[in-house]
Amino acid sequence: MDRSEASAEVLPAPDEAGTLPISVVIPAYNRADLLPRAIASVRAQTARPAEIIVVDDHSDDDTGLVAERLGARVIRHERNRGHGAARNSGIEAASRVWVALLDSDDEWTPDHLEHVYAMRDGHVLIGAATLARGDAPRRNRIYGVPGPASVLMSSPAHAAYPVNCVPPSSALLRRETVLDAGGFDTSLKLCEDVDMWIRMLEHGSGVASPRIGSFYYVHGGQASSDGVAMHRAYRNVLARYRGRAWWRPSLVRRYEGIIAWDAFRQGMAEHRLRAAGAALMRIATHPDRLRGALEVLVWRSRTRRRSAELQRS
């Protein structure tokens, strides 16, 4: 983690009575228009954080100035270095024990920090679910744990399977653990959050709550909008830890089952029956792939049901 190209422009203020020992880190690139919404959701917390750090990743607009006007501590990169590097700069600059991440185009529910902080004891990583919001309410869905109960992540293997249980904008991280684990891998363009959670869980346990902690606004420019690329990235992240004591070949094969199931569905939707049949055969040729496909079907069913409940409420 290299901070040689980041400079802090505003020093943090001392803690006030009643604040949590949490540094909020918001990476931002050309987000002058959306940043006020994100920061407003931090200011509206029922339990306030000690500081807000905005990492301006060499924006071309007024992102840094807007952040300063809204009272955030600003760190500016001298060149654009990407989301992972921006998070690393903010985490290194953070002065508190805990770091809460928030993307600049997302926002928190009012009691998010109070909820995740209360779950922290004995863990290095705490997460809540996020509710994605699109252009139509029926497309709104949950990312993370759909419920009904929280999920204990006692092994790194729990970080990515069958999905990422800790969306970044709902994550609370123990700062020391992030630093010990080496920070976000800036060579990864996708799934760098899952990779970070895996390495953190090599140092301790985590817990993921089904309670909604953030709102994720869907738009076409997001990296996660490319489902095929995300699938490949997940598989590659899991595969890179081959040889670790907790790693098993079944982890990759189970995720291959998820990939094959989605390829089957896509083939059927596009009337490419040969491709759909090949995907189904790939699932059937190994029990781990079959298990992966079945487990993700159950998970997605729970997600759809919980998402529908939230839309009706």
C-alpha atoms as a PDB file:
ATOM      1  CA  MET A   1       0.000   0.000   0.000  1.00  0.00           C
ATOM      2  CA  ASP A   2       1.741   3.125  -1.277  1.00  0.00           C
ATOM      3  CA  ARG A   3       0.684   6.583  -0.140  1.00  0.00           C
ATOM      4  CA  SER A   4       3.474   8.441  -1.923  1.00  0.00           C
ATOM      5  CA  GLU A   5       1.027   9.948  -4.416  1.00  0.00           C
ATOM      6  CA  ALA A   6      -1.705  10.891  -1.941  1.00  0.00           C
ATOM      7  CA  SER A   7      -1.760  14.067   0.109  1.00  0.00           C
ATOM      8  CA  ALA A   8      -4.039  14.892   3.038  1.00  0.00           C
ATOM      9  CA  GLU A   9      -5.480  18.383   2.730  1.00  0.00           C
ATOM     10  CA  VAL A  10      -7.515  18.565   5.946  1.00  0.00           C
ATOM     11  CA  LEU A  11      -6.548  17.163   9.353  1.00  0.00           C
ATOM     12  CA  PRO A  12      -9.176  15.238  11.344  1.00  0.00           C
ATOM     13  CA  ALA A  13     -10.872  16.921  14.275  1.00  0.00           C
ATOM     14  CA  PRO A  14     -10.752  15.343  17.748  1.00  0.00           C
ATOM     15  CA  ASP A  15     -13.589  13.008  18.646  1.00  0.00           C
ATOM     16  CA  GLU A  16     -16.709  14.571  20.089  1.00  0.00           C
ATOM     17  CA  ALA A  17     -18.728  13.000  22.863  1.00  0.00           C
ATOM     18  CA  GLY A  18     -21.005  10.272  21.602  1.00  0.00           C
ATOM     19  CA  THR A  19     -19.190   9.573  18.336  1.00  0.00           C
ATOM     20  CA  LEU A  20     -18.086   6.102  17.295  1.00  0.00           C
ATOM     21  CA  PRO A  21     -14.380   5.303  16.750  1.00  0.00           C
ATOM     22  CA  ILE A  22     -15.051   4.911  13.033  1.00  0.00           C
ATOM     23  CA  SER A  23     -13.423   6.581  10.040  1.00  0.00           C
ATOM     24  CA  VAL A  24     -15.674   6.706   6.999  1.00  0.00           C
ATOM     25  CA  VAL A  25     -13.767   6.268   3.720  1.00  0.00           C
ATOM     26  CA  ILE A  26     -15.415   7.396   0.473  1.00  0.00           C
ATOM     27  CA  PRO A  27     -13.401   6.918  -2.746  1.00  0.00           C
ATOM     28  CA  ALA A  28     -14.565   9.304  -5.456  1.00  0.00           C
ATOM     29  CA  TYR A  29     -13.738  10.060  -9.062  1.00  0.00           C
ATOM     30  CA  ASN A  30     -15.736  12.798 -10.821  1.00  0.00           C
ATOM     31  CA  ARG A  31     -18.582  12.503  -8.311  1.00  0.00           C
ATOM     32  CA  ALA A  32     -19.222  16.155  -7.488  1.00  0.00           C
ATOM     33  CA  ASP A  33     -22.912  15.642  -8.335  1.00  0.00           C
ATOM     34  CA  LEU A  34     -23.472  12.476  -6.280  1.00  0.00           C
ATOM     35  CA  LEU A  35     -21.120  13.019  -3.347  1.00  0.00           C
ATOM     36  CA  PRO A  36     -23.524  15.295  -1.406  1.00  0.00           C
ATOM     37  CA  ARG A  37     -26.081  12.488  -1.208  1.00  0.00           C
ATOM     38  CA  ALA A  38     -23.497  10.027   0.138  1.00  0.00           C
ATOM     39  CA  ILE A  39     -22.129  12.448   2.734  1.00  0.00           C
ATOM     40  CA  ALA A  40     -25.631  13.510   3.778  1.00  0.00           C
ATOM     41  CA  SER A  41     -26.406   9.876   4.596  1.00  0.00           C
ATOM     42  CA  VAL A  42     -23.288   9.773   6.815  1.00  0.00           C
ATOM     43  CA  ARG A  43     -24.289  12.992   8.585  1.00  0.00           C
ATOM     44  CA  ALA A  44     -27.768  11.550   9.188  1.00  0.00           C
ATOM     45  CA  GLN A  45     -26.517   8.493  11.114  1.00  0.00           C
ATOM     46  CA  THR A  46     -28.125   7.778  14.467  1.00  0.00           C
ATOM     47  CA  ALA A  47     -24.593   7.077  15.752  1.00  0.00           C
ATOM     48  CA  ARG A  48     -22.068   9.469  14.240  1.00  0.00           C
ATOM     49  CA  PRO A  49     -18.608   8.457  13.006  1.00  0.00           C
ATOM     50  CA  ALA A  50     -15.524  10.294  14.209  1.00  0.00           C
ATOM     51  CA  GLU A  51     -14.375  11.406  10.751  1.00  0.00           C
ATOM     52  CA  ILE A  52     -15.249  11.354   7.066  1.00  0.00           C
ATOM     53  CA  ILE A  53     -12.425  10.901   4.554  1.00  0.00           C
ATOM     54  CA  VAL A  54     -13.040  11.467   0.853  1.00  0.00           C
ATOM     55  CA  VAL A  55     -10.281  10.229  -1.457  1.00  0.00           C
ATOM     56  CA  ASP A  56     -10.404  12.306  -4.638  1.00  0.00           C
ATOM     57  CA  ASP A  57      -8.876   9.981  -7.222  1.00  0.00           C
ATOM     58  CA  HIS A  58      -7.600  12.846  -9.418  1.00  0.00           C
ATOM     59  CA  SER A  59     -11.038  14.022 -10.538  1.00  0.00           C
ATOM     60  CA  ASP A  60     -11.598  16.405 -13.428  1.00  0.00           C
ATOM     61  CA  ASP A  61     -14.540  18.069 -11.691  1.00  0.00           C
ATOM     62  CA  ASP A  62     -15.082  19.717  -8.277  1.00  0.00           C
ATOM     63  CA  THR A  63     -15.246  16.474  -6.282  1.00  0.00           C
ATOM     64  CA  GLY A  64     -12.560  17.584  -3.825  1.00  0.00           C
ATOM     65  CA  LEU A  65     -14.010  21.069  -3.347  1.00  0.00           C
ATOM     66  CA  VAL A  66     -17.499  19.677  -2.770  1.00  0.00           C
ATOM     67  CA  ALA A  67     -16.142  17.244  -0.183  1.00  0.00           C
ATOM     68  CA  GLU A  68     -14.310  20.036   1.632  1.00  0.00           C
ATOM     69  CA  ARG A  69     -17.395  22.254   1.690  1.00  0.00           C
ATOM     70  CA  LEU A  70     -19.329  19.365   3.225  1.00  0.00           C
ATOM     71  CA  GLY A  71     -16.765  19.048   6.017  1.00  0.00           C
ATOM     72  CA  ALA A  72     -14.917  15.940   4.901  1.00  0.00           C
ATOM     73  CA  ARG A  73     -11.206  15.393   5.246  1.00  0.00           C
ATOM     74  CA  VAL A  74      -9.883  15.270   1.670  1.00  0.00           C
ATOM     75  CA  ILE A  75      -7.019  13.241   0.245  1.00  0.00           C
ATOM     76  CA  ARG A  76      -6.169  13.837  -3.402  1.00  0.00           C
ATOM     77  CA  HIS A  77      -4.289  11.465  -5.688  1.00  0.00           C
ATOM     78  CA  GLU A  78      -1.837  13.126  -8.049  1.00  0.00           C
ATOM     79  CA  ARG A  79      -2.991  10.736 -10.777  1.00  0.00           C
ATOM     80  CA  ASN A  80      -5.981   8.461 -11.247  1.00  0.00           C
ATOM     81  CA  ARG A  81      -5.125   5.160  -9.562  1.00  0.00           C
ATOM     82  CA  GLY A  82      -8.424   3.308  -9.329  1.00  0.00           C
ATOM     83  CA  HIS A  83     -10.975   2.329  -6.722  1.00  0.00           C
ATOM     84  CA  GLY A  84      -8.784  -0.093  -4.765  1.00  0.00           C
ATOM     85  CA  ALA A  85      -5.916   2.374  -4.441  1.00  0.00           C
ATOM     86  CA  ALA A  86      -8.337   5.103  -3.338  1.00  0.00           C
ATOM     87  CA  ARG A  87      -9.716   2.865  -0.610  1.00  0.00           C
ATOM     88  CA  ASN A  88      -6.179   1.994   0.476  1.00  0.00           C
ATOM     89  CA  SER A  89      -5.221   5.671   0.755  1.00  0.00           C
ATOM     90  CA  GLY A  90      -8.271   6.394   2.870  1.00  0.00           C
ATOM     91  CA  ILE A  91      -7.730   3.396   5.144  1.00  0.00           C
ATOM     92  CA  GLU A  92      -4.065   4.266   5.678  1.00  0.00           C
ATOM     93  CA  ALA A  93      -4.982   7.857   6.516  1.00  0.00           C
ATOM     94  CA  ALA A  94      -7.790   6.814   8.876  1.00  0.00           C
ATOM     95  CA  SER A  95      -7.113   7.602  12.520  1.00  0.00           C
ATOM     96  CA  ARG A  96      -9.681   5.310  14.128  1.00  0.00           C
ATOM     97  CA  VAL A  97      -9.808   1.593  14.925  1.00  0.00           C
ATOM     98  CA  TRP A  98     -12.668   0.893  12.536  1.00  0.00           C
ATOM     99  CA  VAL A  99     -13.205   1.912   8.930  1.00  0.00           C
ATOM    100  CA  ALA A 100     -16.608   2.034   7.250  1.00  0.00           C
ATOM    101  CA  LEU A 101     -16.618   2.037   3.456  1.00  0.00           C
ATOM    102  CA  LEU A 102     -19.126   3.931   1.327  1.00  0.00           C
ATOM    103  CA  ASP A 103     -19.021   4.334  -2.438  1.00  0.00           C
ATOM    104  CA  SER A 104     -19.673   7.862  -3.638  1.00  0.00           C
ATOM    105  CA  ASP A 105     -22.761   6.881  -5.650  1.00  0.00           C
ATOM    106  CA  ASP A 106     -24.388   4.959  -2.770  1.00  0.00           C
ATOM    107  CA  GLU A 107     -25.937   5.987   0.538  1.00  0.00           C
ATOM    108  CA  TRP A 108     -26.513   4.493   3.988  1.00  0.00           C
ATOM    109  CA  THR A 109     -29.681   3.794   5.894  1.00  0.00           C
ATOM    110  CA  PRO A 110     -29.872   6.038   8.989  1.00  0.00           C
ATOM    111  CA  ASP A 111     -28.959   3.355  11.553  1.00  0.00           C
ATOM    112  CA  HIS A 112     -26.329   1.527   9.502  1.00  0.00           C
ATOM    113  CA  LEU A 113     -23.277   2.409  11.615  1.00  0.00           C
ATOM    114  CA  GLU A 114     -25.098   1.814  14.875  1.00  0.00           C
ATOM    115  CA  HIS A 115     -26.135  -1.648  13.669  1.00  0.00           C
ATOM    116  CA  VAL A 116     -22.800  -2.913  12.301  1.00  0.00           C
ATOM    117  CA  TYR A 117     -20.771  -1.424  15.161  1.00  0.00           C
ATOM    118  CA  ALA A 118     -22.936  -3.309  17.675  1.00  0.00           C
ATOM    119  CA  MET A 119     -22.019  -6.576  15.886  1.00  0.00           C
ATOM    120  CA  ARG A 120     -18.253  -6.008  15.912  1.00  0.00           C
ATOM    121  CA  ASP A 121     -17.165  -7.935  19.038  1.00  0.00           C
ATOM    122  CA  GLY A 122     -14.656 -10.654  18.187  1.00  0.00           C
ATOM    123  CA  HIS A 123     -14.751  -9.966  14.446  1.00  0.00           C
ATOM    124  CA  VAL A 124     -12.523  -8.184  11.948  1.00  0.00           C
ATOM    125  CA  LEU A 125     -15.152  -7.786   9.209  1.00  0.00           C
ATOM    126  CA  ILE A 126     -18.813  -6.852   9.629  1.00  0.00           C
ATOM    127  CA  GLY A 127     -21.300  -6.350   6.844  1.00  0.00           C
ATOM    128  CA  ALA A 128     -24.933  -5.603   6.165  1.00  0.00           C
ATOM    129  CA  ALA A 129     -26.992  -6.156   3.040  1.00  0.00           C
ATOM    130  CA  THR A 130     -27.543  -3.523   0.388  1.00  0.00           C
ATOM    131  CA  LEU A 131     -30.673  -2.821  -1.629  1.00  0.00           C
ATOM    132  CA  ALA A 132     -30.067  -2.078  -5.290  1.00  0.00           C
ATOM    133  CA  ARG A 133     -32.342   0.532  -6.798  1.00  0.00           C
ATOM    134  CA  GLY A 134     -32.919   0.754 -10.536  1.00  0.00           C
ATOM    135  CA  ASP A 135     -35.246   2.528 -12.905  1.00  0.00           C
ATOM    136  CA  ALA A 136     -38.161   0.259 -11.998  1.00  0.00           C
ATOM    137  CA  PRO A 137     -39.149  -0.851  -8.463  1.00  0.00           C
ATOM    138  CA  ARG A 138     -39.631  -4.471  -9.599  1.00  0.00           C
ATOM    139  CA  ARG A 139     -35.921  -4.604 -10.428  1.00  0.00           C
ATOM    140  CA  ASN A 140     -34.884  -3.630  -6.912  1.00  0.00           C
ATOM    141  CA  ARG A 141     -33.058  -6.492  -5.247  1.00  0.00           C
ATOM    142  CA  ILE A 142     -30.892  -7.357  -2.276  1.00  0.00           C
ATOM    143  CA  TYR A 143     -27.159  -7.956  -2.433  1.00  0.00           C
ATOM    144  CA  GLY A 144     -25.621  -9.740   0.517  1.00  0.00           C
ATOM    145  CA  VAL A 145     -27.405 -12.011   2.975  1.00  0.00           C
ATOM    146  CA  PRO A 146     -31.158 -12.254   2.205  1.00  0.00           C
ATOM    147  CA  GLY A 147     -31.958 -13.585   5.665  1.00  0.00           C
ATOM    148  CA  PRO A 148     -33.518 -14.610   7.853  1.00  0.00           C
ATOM    149  CA  ALA A 149     -30.400 -14.866  10.040  1.00  0.00           C
ATOM    150  CA  SER A 150     -26.927 -13.381  10.008  1.00  0.00           C
ATOM    151  CA  VAL A 151     -24.115 -15.449   8.482  1.00  0.00           C
ATOM    152  CA  LEU A 152     -20.960 -16.179  10.459  1.00  0.00           C
ATOM    153  CA  MET A 153     -17.844 -16.141   8.280  1.00  0.00           C
ATOM    154  CA  SER A 154     -15.421 -18.321  10.210  1.00  0.00           C
ATOM    155  CA  SER A 155     -13.271 -19.209   7.195  1.00  0.00           C
ATOM    156  CA  PRO A 156     -11.996 -17.311   4.143  1.00  0.00           C
ATOM    157  CA  ALA A 157     -13.981 -19.806   2.080  1.00  0.00           C
ATOM    158  CA  HIS A 158     -17.171 -18.084   3.285  1.00  0.00           C
ATOM    159  CA  ALA A 159     -16.281 -14.742   1.723  1.00  0.00           C
ATOM    160  CA  ALA A 160     -17.339 -15.440  -1.845  1.00  0.00           C
ATOM    161  CA  TYR A 161     -19.632 -18.417  -1.901  1.00  0.00           C
ATOM    162  CA  PRO A 162     -22.292 -18.596  -3.168  1.00  0.00           C
ATOM    163  CA  VAL A 163     -22.145 -14.796  -3.391  1.00  0.00           C
ATOM    164  CA  ASN A 164     -20.277 -11.921  -1.799  1.00  0.00           C
ATOM    165  CA  CYS A 165     -22.000 -11.585   1.575  1.00  0.00           C
ATOM    166  CA  VAL A 166     -20.468  -8.165   2.316  1.00  0.00           C
ATOM    167  CA  PRO A 167     -21.214  -5.447  -0.257  1.00  0.00           C
ATOM    168  CA  PRO A 168     -18.465  -2.807   0.075  1.00  0.00           C
ATOM    169  CA  SER A 169     -20.777   0.104   0.907  1.00  0.00           C
ATOM    170  CA  SER A 170     -22.131  -1.857   3.879  1.00  0.00           C
ATOM    171  CA  ALA A 171     -18.754  -3.013   5.210  1.00  0.00           C
ATOM    172  CA  LEU A 172     -17.132  -2.184   8.545  1.00  0.00           C
ATOM    173  CA  LEU A 173     -13.461  -3.189   8.695  1.00  0.00           C
ATOM    174  CA  ARG A 174     -10.948  -3.410  11.486  1.00  0.00           C
ATOM    175  CA  ARG A 175      -8.256  -1.066  10.163  1.00  0.00           C
ATOM    176  CA  GLU A 176      -5.286  -2.964  11.596  1.00  0.00           C
ATOM    177  CA  THR A 177      -6.459  -6.185   9.961  1.00  0.00           C
ATOM    178  CA  VAL A 178      -6.779  -4.533   6.550  1.00  0.00           C
ATOM    179  CA  LEU A 179      -3.230  -3.220   6.845  1.00  0.00           C
ATOM    180  CA  ASP A 180      -1.877  -6.574   8.059  1.00  0.00           C
ATOM    181  CA  ALA A 181      -3.564  -8.276   5.104  1.00  0.00           C
ATOM    182  CA  GLY A 182      -1.935  -5.879   2.630  1.00  0.00           C
ATOM    183  CA  GLY A 183      -4.903  -3.752   1.633  1.00  0.00           C
ATOM    184  CA  PHE A 184      -6.928  -3.952  -1.548  1.00  0.00           C
ATOM    185  CA  ASP A 185      -5.087  -5.543  -4.463  1.00  0.00           C
ATOM    186  CA  THR A 186      -4.849  -2.709  -6.995  1.00  0.00           C
ATOM    187  CA  SER A 187      -4.068  -5.123  -9.834  1.00  0.00           C
ATOM    188  CA  LEU A 188      -7.649  -6.412  -9.704  1.00  0.00           C
ATOM    189  CA  LYS A 189     -10.279  -4.503 -11.649  1.00  0.00           C
ATOM    190  CA  LEU A 190     -13.187  -6.694 -10.506  1.00  0.00           C
ATOM    191  CA  CYS A 191     -13.937  -8.541  -7.248  1.00  0.00           C
ATOM    192  CA  GLU A 192     -11.172  -6.732  -5.361  1.00  0.00           C
ATOM    193  CA  ASP A 193     -13.575  -6.550  -2.418  1.00  0.00           C
ATOM    194  CA  VAL A 194     -14.046 -10.335  -2.270  1.00  0.00           C
ATOM    195  CA  ASP A 195     -10.276 -10.757  -2.504  1.00  0.00           C
ATOM    196  CA  MET A 196      -9.834  -8.343   0.417  1.00  0.00           C
ATOM    197  CA  TRP A 197     -12.445 -10.142   2.538  1.00  0.00           C
ATOM    198  CA  ILE A 198     -10.687 -13.471   1.929  1.00  0.00           C
ATOM    199  CA  ARG A 199      -7.388 -12.107   3.197  1.00  0.00           C
ATOM    200  CA  MET A 200      -9.022 -10.405   6.186  1.00  0.00           C
ATOM    201  CA  LEU A 201     -10.746 -13.655   7.138  1.00  0.00           C
ATOM    202  CA  GLU A 202      -7.351 -15.327   7.209  1.00  0.00           C
ATOM    203  CA  HIS A 203      -6.722 -13.067  10.237  1.00  0.00           C
ATOM    204  CA  GLY A 204     -10.070 -13.426  12.011  1.00  0.00           C
ATOM    205  CA  SER A 205     -13.790 -13.996  11.659  1.00  0.00           C
ATOM    206  CA  GLY A 206     -16.578 -11.939  10.161  1.00  0.00           C
ATOM    207  CA  VAL A 207     -20.338 -11.647  10.318  1.00  0.00           C
ATOM    208  CA  ALA A 208     -22.848 -10.519   7.693  1.00  0.00           C
ATOM    209  CA  SER A 209     -26.294  -9.252   8.632  1.00  0.00           C
ATOM    210  CA  PRO A 210     -29.412  -9.447   6.432  1.00  0.00           C
ATOM    211  CA  ARG A 211     -30.448  -5.971   7.582  1.00  0.00           C
ATOM    212  CA  ILE A 212     -30.308  -3.322   4.847  1.00  0.00           C
ATOM    213  CA  GLY A 213     -27.361  -1.008   5.499  1.00  0.00           C
ATOM    214  CA  SER A 214     -27.027   0.819   2.205  1.00  0.00           C
ATOM    215  CA  PHE A 215     -28.708   1.657  -1.068  1.00  0.00           C
ATOM    216  CA  TYR A 216     -26.874   0.842  -4.288  1.00  0.00           C
ATOM    217  CA  TYR A 217     -27.995   2.830  -7.319  1.00  0.00           C
ATOM    218  CA  VAL A 218     -27.779   0.808 -10.514  1.00  0.00           C
ATOM    219  CA  HIS A 219     -26.429   2.490 -13.632  1.00  0.00           C
ATOM    220  CA  GLY A 220     -24.731   1.285 -16.792  1.00  0.00           C
ATOM    221  CA  GLY A 221     -21.253   2.584 -15.982  1.00  0.00           C
ATOM    222  CA  GLN A 222     -20.693   0.238 -13.047  1.00  0.00           C
ATOM    223  CA  ALA A 223     -18.160  -2.563 -13.397  1.00  0.00           C
ATOM    224  CA  SER A 224     -20.552  -5.056 -11.818  1.00  0.00           C
ATOM    225  CA  SER A 225     -23.044  -4.531 -14.667  1.00  0.00           C
ATOM    226  CA  ASP A 226     -21.013  -7.020 -16.766  1.00  0.00           C
ATOM    227  CA  GLY A 227     -22.214 -10.351 -15.367  1.00  0.00           C
ATOM    228  CA  VAL A 228     -19.947 -12.572 -17.473  1.00  0.00           C
ATOM    229  CA  ALA A 229     -16.833 -10.645 -16.463  1.00  0.00           C
ATOM    230  CA  MET A 230     -17.884 -10.755 -12.808  1.00  0.00           C
ATOM    231  CA  HIS A 231     -18.316 -14.536 -12.973  1.00  0.00           C
ATOM    232  CA  ARG A 232     -14.833 -14.988 -14.381  1.00  0.00           C
ATOM    233  CA  ALA A 233     -13.339 -12.621 -11.828  1.00  0.00           C
ATOM    234  CA  TYR A 234     -14.960 -14.470  -8.908  1.00  0.00           C
ATOM    235  CA  ARG A 235     -13.638 -17.793 -10.162  1.00  0.00           C
ATOM    236  CA  ASN A 236     -10.157 -16.364 -10.657  1.00  0.00           C
ATOM    237  CA  VAL A 237     -10.084 -14.822  -7.185  1.00  0.00           C
ATOM    238  CA  LEU A 238     -11.006 -18.155  -5.623  1.00  0.00           C
ATOM    239  CA  ALA A 239      -8.425 -19.991  -7.718  1.00  0.00           C
ATOM    240  CA  ARG A 240      -5.557 -17.675  -6.769  1.00  0.00           C
ATOM    241  CA  TYR A 241      -5.592 -18.972  -3.183  1.00  0.00           C
ATOM    242  CA  ARG A 242      -4.915 -22.548  -4.199  1.00  0.00           C
ATOM    243  CA  GLY A 243      -2.573 -24.115  -1.651  1.00  0.00           C
ATOM    244  CA  ARG A 244      -3.863 -22.238   1.396  1.00  0.00           C
ATOM    245  CA  ALA A 245      -4.806 -24.458   4.353  1.00  0.00           C
ATOM    246  CA  TRP A 246      -8.496 -23.511   4.071  1.00  0.00           C
ATOM    247  CA  TRP A 247      -8.689 -23.872   0.280  1.00  0.00           C
ATOM    248  CA  ARG A 248     -10.397 -26.832  -1.381  1.00  0.00           C
ATOM    249  CA  PRO A 249     -10.753 -27.655  -5.114  1.00  0.00           C
ATOM    250  CA  SER A 250     -14.503 -27.887  -4.530  1.00  0.00           C
ATOM    251  CA  LEU A 251     -14.637 -24.094  -4.027  1.00  0.00           C
ATOM    252  CA  VAL A 252     -13.752 -23.435  -7.659  1.00  0.00           C
ATOM    253  CA  ARG A 253     -15.819 -26.338  -9.003  1.00  0.00           C
ATOM    254  CA  ARG A 254     -18.887 -25.210  -7.060  1.00  0.00           C
ATOM    255  CA  TYR A 255     -18.535 -21.761  -8.522  1.00  0.00           C
ATOM    256  CA  GLU A 256     -18.111 -23.317 -11.971  1.00  0.00           C
ATOM    257  CA  GLY A 257     -21.545 -24.820 -11.348  1.00  0.00           C
ATOM    258  CA  ILE A 258     -22.959 -21.327 -10.835  1.00  0.00           C
ATOM    259  CA  ILE A 259     -21.329 -20.114 -14.049  1.00  0.00           C
ATOM    260  CA  ALA A 260     -22.661 -23.105 -15.980  1.00  0.00           C
ATOM    261  CA  TRP A 261     -26.173 -22.627 -14.609  1.00  0.00           C
ATOM    262  CA  ASP A 262     -26.249 -19.012 -15.743  1.00  0.00           C
ATOM    263  CA  ALA A 263     -24.891 -20.075 -19.146  1.00  0.00           C
ATOM    264  CA  PHE A 264     -27.739 -22.598 -19.358  1.00  0.00           C
ATOM    265  CA  ARG A 265     -30.330 -19.947 -18.548  1.00  0.00           C
ATOM    266  CA  GLN A 266     -28.847 -17.528 -21.046  1.00  0.00           C
ATOM    267  CA  GLY A 267     -28.755 -20.199 -23.756  1.00  0.00           C
ATOM    268  CA  MET A 268     -32.406 -21.045 -23.175  1.00  0.00           C
ATOM    269  CA  ALA A 269     -33.430 -17.373 -23.192  1.00  0.00           C
ATOM    270  CA  GLU A 270     -31.615 -16.817 -26.486  1.00  0.00           C
ATOM    271  CA  HIS A 271     -32.857 -20.116 -28.013  1.00  0.00           C
ATOM    272  CA  ARG A 272     -29.304 -21.452 -28.301  1.00  0.00           C
ATOM    273  CA  LEU A 273     -30.246 -24.953 -27.296  1.00  0.00           C
ATOM    274  CA  ARG A 274     -26.862 -26.501 -28.051  1.00  0.00           C
ATOM    275  CA  ALA A 275     -25.078 -24.032 -25.777  1.00  0.00           C
ATOM    276  CA  ALA A 276     -27.707 -24.548 -23.079  1.00  0.00           C
ATOM    277  CA  GLY A 277     -27.312 -28.314 -23.314  1.00  0.00           C
ATOM    278  CA  ALA A 278     -23.526 -28.088 -23.077  1.00  0.00           C
ATOM    279  CA  ALA A 279     -23.823 -25.942 -19.930  1.00  0.00           C
ATOM    280  CA  LEU A 280     -26.248 -28.400 -18.362  1.00  0.00           C
ATOM    281  CA  MET A 281     -23.919 -31.297 -19.177  1.00  0.00           C
ATOM    282  CA  ARG A 282     -21.041 -29.450 -17.518  1.00  0.00           C
ATOM    283  CA  ILE A 283     -23.072 -29.215 -14.330  1.00  0.00           C
ATOM    284  CA  ALA A 284     -24.007 -32.880 -14.455  1.00  0.00           C
ATOM    285  CA  THR A 285     -20.444 -34.144 -14.918  1.00  0.00           C
ATOM    286  CA  HIS A 286     -19.254 -33.265 -11.412  1.00  0.00           C
ATOM    287  CA  PRO A 287     -21.121 -33.376  -8.075  1.00  0.00           C
ATOM    288  CA  ASP A 288     -19.425 -30.186  -6.858  1.00  0.00           C
ATOM    289  CA  ARG A 289     -20.761 -28.256  -9.861  1.00  0.00           C
ATOM    290  CA  LEU A 290     -24.218 -29.701  -9.276  1.00  0.00           C
ATOM    291  CA  ARG A 291     -24.010 -28.699  -5.630  1.00  0.00           C
ATOM    292  CA  GLY A 292     -22.969 -25.184  -6.634  1.00  0.00           C
ATOM    293  CA  ALA A 293     -25.882 -24.816  -9.036  1.00  0.00           C
ATOM    294  CA  LEU A 294     -28.377 -26.083  -6.449  1.00  0.00           C
ATOM    295  CA  GLU A 295     -27.022 -23.873  -3.673  1.00  0.00           C
ATOM    296  CA  VAL A 296     -27.165 -20.736  -5.788  1.00  0.00           C
ATOM    297  CA  LEU A 297     -30.738 -21.580  -6.819  1.00  0.00           C
ATOM    298  CA  VAL A 298     -31.727 -21.702  -3.138  1.00  0.00           C
ATOM    299  CA  TRP A 299     -29.838 -18.480  -2.385  1.00  0.00           C
ATOM    300  CA  ARG A 300     -31.404 -16.614  -5.292  1.00  0.00           C
ATOM    301  CA  SER A 301     -34.860 -17.850  -4.348  1.00  0.00           C
ATOM    302  CA  ARG A 302     -34.385 -16.413  -0.858  1.00  0.00           C
ATOM    303  CA  THR A 303     -33.072 -13.189  -2.396  1.00  0.00           C
ATOM    304  CA  ARG A 304     -36.097 -12.809  -4.690  1.00  0.00           C
ATOM    305  CA  ARG A 305     -38.497 -13.496  -1.839  1.00  0.00           C
ATOM    306  CA  ARG A 306     -36.836 -10.985   0.500  1.00  0.00           C
ATOM    307  CA  SER A 307     -36.557  -8.379  -2.277  1.00  0.00           C
ATOM    308  CA  ALA A 308     -40.283  -8.750  -3.002  1.00  0.00           C
ATOM    309  CA  GLU A 309     -41.093  -8.348   0.694  1.00  0.00           C
ATOM    310  CA  LEU A 310     -39.150  -5.097   0.836  1.00  0.00           C
ATOM    311  CA  GLN A 311     -40.892  -3.752  -2.262  1.00  0.00           C
ATOM    312  CA  ARG A 312     -44.289  -4.390  -0.640  1.00  0.00           C
ATOM    313  CA  SER A 313     -43.295  -2.770   2.664  1.00  0.00           C
END
